[in-house]
C-alpha atoms as a PDB file:
ATOM      1  CA  MET A   1      94.924  86.215 157.803  1.00  0.00           C
ATOM      2  CA  ILE A   2      95.898  85.819 161.296  1.00  0.00           C
ATOM      3  CA  ALA A   3      93.109  86.036 164.936  1.00  0.00           C
ATOM      4  CA  THR A   4      94.833  86.401 167.608  1.00  0.00           C
ATOM      5  CA  ASN A   5      93.884  88.037 171.272  1.00  0.00           C
ATOM      6  CA  PHE A   6      95.897  91.135 172.953  1.00  0.00           C
ATOM      7  CA  SER A   7      97.827  88.901 175.120  1.00  0.00           C
ATOM      8  CA  ASN A   8      99.342  86.793 172.635  1.00  0.00           C
ATOM      9  CA  VAL A   9     100.391  89.842 170.584  1.00  0.00           C
ATOM     10  CA  ARG A  10     101.695  91.442 173.491  1.00  0.00           C
ATOM     11  CA  ASN A  11     103.866  88.093 174.204  1.00  0.00           C
ATOM     12  CA  ASN A  12     104.626  87.809 170.887  1.00  0.00           C
ATOM     13  CA  PHE A  13     104.580  91.544 169.037  1.00  0.00           C
ATOM     14  CA  LYS A  14     107.841  90.743 166.952  1.00  0.00           C
ATOM     15  CA  GLU A  15     106.976  87.517 165.920  1.00  0.00           C
ATOM     16  CA  VAL A  16     103.447  88.837 164.940  1.00  0.00           C
ATOM     17  CA  CYS A  17     104.624  92.173 163.469  1.00  0.00           C
ATOM     18  CA  ASP A  18     107.522  90.275 161.183  1.00  0.00           C
ATOM     19  CA  ARG A  19     104.453  88.002 159.863  1.00  0.00           C
ATOM     20  CA  VAL A  20     102.426  90.713 159.219  1.00  0.00           C
ATOM     21  CA  VAL A  21     105.191  92.519 156.944  1.00  0.00           C
ATOM     22  CA  HIS A  22     107.105  89.559 155.755  1.00  0.00           C
ATOM     23  CA  ASP A  23     103.883  87.370 155.088  1.00  0.00           C
ATOM     24  CA  SER A  24     101.754  90.207 153.615  1.00  0.00           C
ATOM     25  CA  ASP A  25      99.247  88.880 156.623  1.00  0.00           C
ATOM     26  CA  ILE A  26      96.937  90.799 158.388  1.00  0.00           C
ATOM     27  CA  ALA A  27      96.699  90.632 162.484  1.00  0.00           C
ATOM     28  CA  ILE A  28      93.182  90.904 163.981  1.00  0.00           C
ATOM     29  CA  ILE A  29      93.745  91.269 167.591  1.00  0.00           C
ATOM     30  CA  THR A  30      90.900  90.402 169.395  1.00  0.00           C
ATOM     31  CA  ARG A  31      89.777  91.911 172.812  1.00  0.00           C
ATOM     32  CA  LYS A  32      87.114  92.353 175.334  1.00  0.00           C
ATOM     33  CA  ASN A  33      83.834  94.110 174.244  1.00  0.00           C
ATOM     34  CA  ASP A  34      84.366  93.524 170.648  1.00  0.00           C
ATOM     35  CA  GLU A  35      86.890  96.255 170.117  1.00  0.00           C
ATOM     36  CA  ASN A  36      88.943  94.646 167.983  1.00  0.00           C
ATOM     37  CA  VAL A  37      92.068  96.230 166.282  1.00  0.00           C
ATOM     38  CA  VAL A  38      93.177  95.377 162.775  1.00  0.00           C
ATOM     39  CA  LEU A  39      97.508  95.363 162.231  1.00  0.00           C
ATOM     40  CA  MET A  40      98.603  95.498 158.915  1.00  0.00           C
ATOM     41  CA  SER A  41     102.239  96.724 157.468  1.00  0.00           C
ATOM     42  CA  GLN A  42     102.507  99.962 156.062  1.00  0.00           C
ATOM     43  CA  ALA A  43     102.576  98.631 152.405  1.00  0.00           C
ATOM     44  CA  GLN A  44      99.080  97.291 152.988  1.00  0.00           C
ATOM     45  CA  TYR A  45      98.153 100.412 154.183  1.00  0.00           C
ATOM     46  CA  ASP A  46      99.460 102.765 151.414  1.00  0.00           C
ATOM     47  CA  ASN A  47      97.893 100.269 149.172  1.00  0.00           C
ATOM     48  CA  LEU A  48      94.423 100.502 150.796  1.00  0.00           C
ATOM     49  CA  ILE A  49      94.296 104.242 150.841  1.00  0.00           C
ATOM     50  CA  GLU A  50      95.703 104.380 147.241  1.00  0.00           C
ATOM     51  CA  ASN A  51      92.708 102.111 145.871  1.00  0.00           C
ATOM     52  CA  LEU A  52      90.040 104.005 148.487  1.00  0.00           C
ATOM     53  CA  HIS A  53      91.699 107.468 146.754  1.00  0.00           C
ATOM     54  CA  VAL A  54      91.124 105.902 143.093  1.00  0.00           C
ATOM     55  CA  ARG A  55      87.473 104.672 143.600  1.00  0.00           C
ATOM     56  CA  GLU A  56      86.440 107.858 145.354  1.00  0.00           C
ATOM     57  CA  SER A  57      85.799 109.380 142.297  1.00  0.00           C
ATOM     58  CA  LYS A  58      83.486 107.394 139.945  1.00  0.00           C
ATOM     59  CA  SER A  59      85.147 108.985 136.890  1.00  0.00           C
ATOM     60  CA  ASN A  60      88.706 108.102 137.906  1.00  0.00           C
ATOM     61  CA  TYR A  61      87.339 104.233 138.688  1.00  0.00           C
ATOM     62  CA  GLU A  62      85.362 103.943 135.295  1.00  0.00           C
ATOM     63  CA  TRP A  63      88.484 105.387 133.171  1.00  0.00           C
ATOM     64  CA  LEU A  64      90.704 102.491 135.015  1.00  0.00           C
ATOM     65  CA  LYS A  65      88.604  99.810 134.488  1.00  0.00           C
ATOM     66  CA  GLU A  66      88.407 100.793 130.500  1.00  0.00           C
ATOM     67  CA  SER A  67      92.161 101.096 130.556  1.00  0.00           C
ATOM     68  CA  VAL A  68      92.536  97.849 131.968  1.00  0.00           C
ATOM     69  CA  GLN A  69      90.329  96.187 129.459  1.00  0.00           C
ATOM     70  CA  GLN A  70      92.278  97.759 126.767  1.00  0.00           C
ATOM     71  CA  ALA A  71      95.039  96.300 127.762  1.00  0.00           C
ATOM     72  CA  GLU A  72      93.573  93.082 128.175  1.00  0.00           C
ATOM     73  CA  ASP A  73      92.072  93.687 124.911  1.00  0.00           C
ATOM     74  CA  GLY A  74      95.618  94.234 123.536  1.00  0.00           C
ATOM     75  CA  LYS A  75      94.534  97.648 122.272  1.00  0.00           C
ATOM     76  CA  LEU A  76      98.194  98.954 123.685  1.00  0.00           C
ATOM     77  CA  VAL A  77     100.377 102.000 122.298  1.00  0.00           C
ATOM     78  CA  ASN A  78     104.053 101.530 122.327  1.00  0.00           C
ATOM     79  CA  PHE A  79     106.440 104.460 122.314  1.00  0.00           C
ATOM     80  CA  ASP A  80     110.073 105.178 122.862  1.00  0.00           C
ATOM     81  CA  VAL A  81     110.701 107.853 125.584  1.00  0.00           C
ATOM     82  CA  GLU A  82     113.784 110.123 124.723  1.00  0.00           C
ATOM     83  CA  ASP A  83     115.790 111.580 127.148  1.00  0.00           C
END
């Protein structure tokens, strides 16, 4: 995680953006009066929103956790997909 001030980001915007995107990093841009900003890649943002959506419904989240546990226990079903 990068924590840097607004002036540094303004002077090095491309480098900060490249680090956020290429290193899957998050930048916290510090500002006066604790009005900080978070900069993240769209891929990270999309993943965060997807996870929030999945966890919004308790039943969906429980179903997902159960499915993961079944996979970890080797309880998988293989099948061929026909064209």
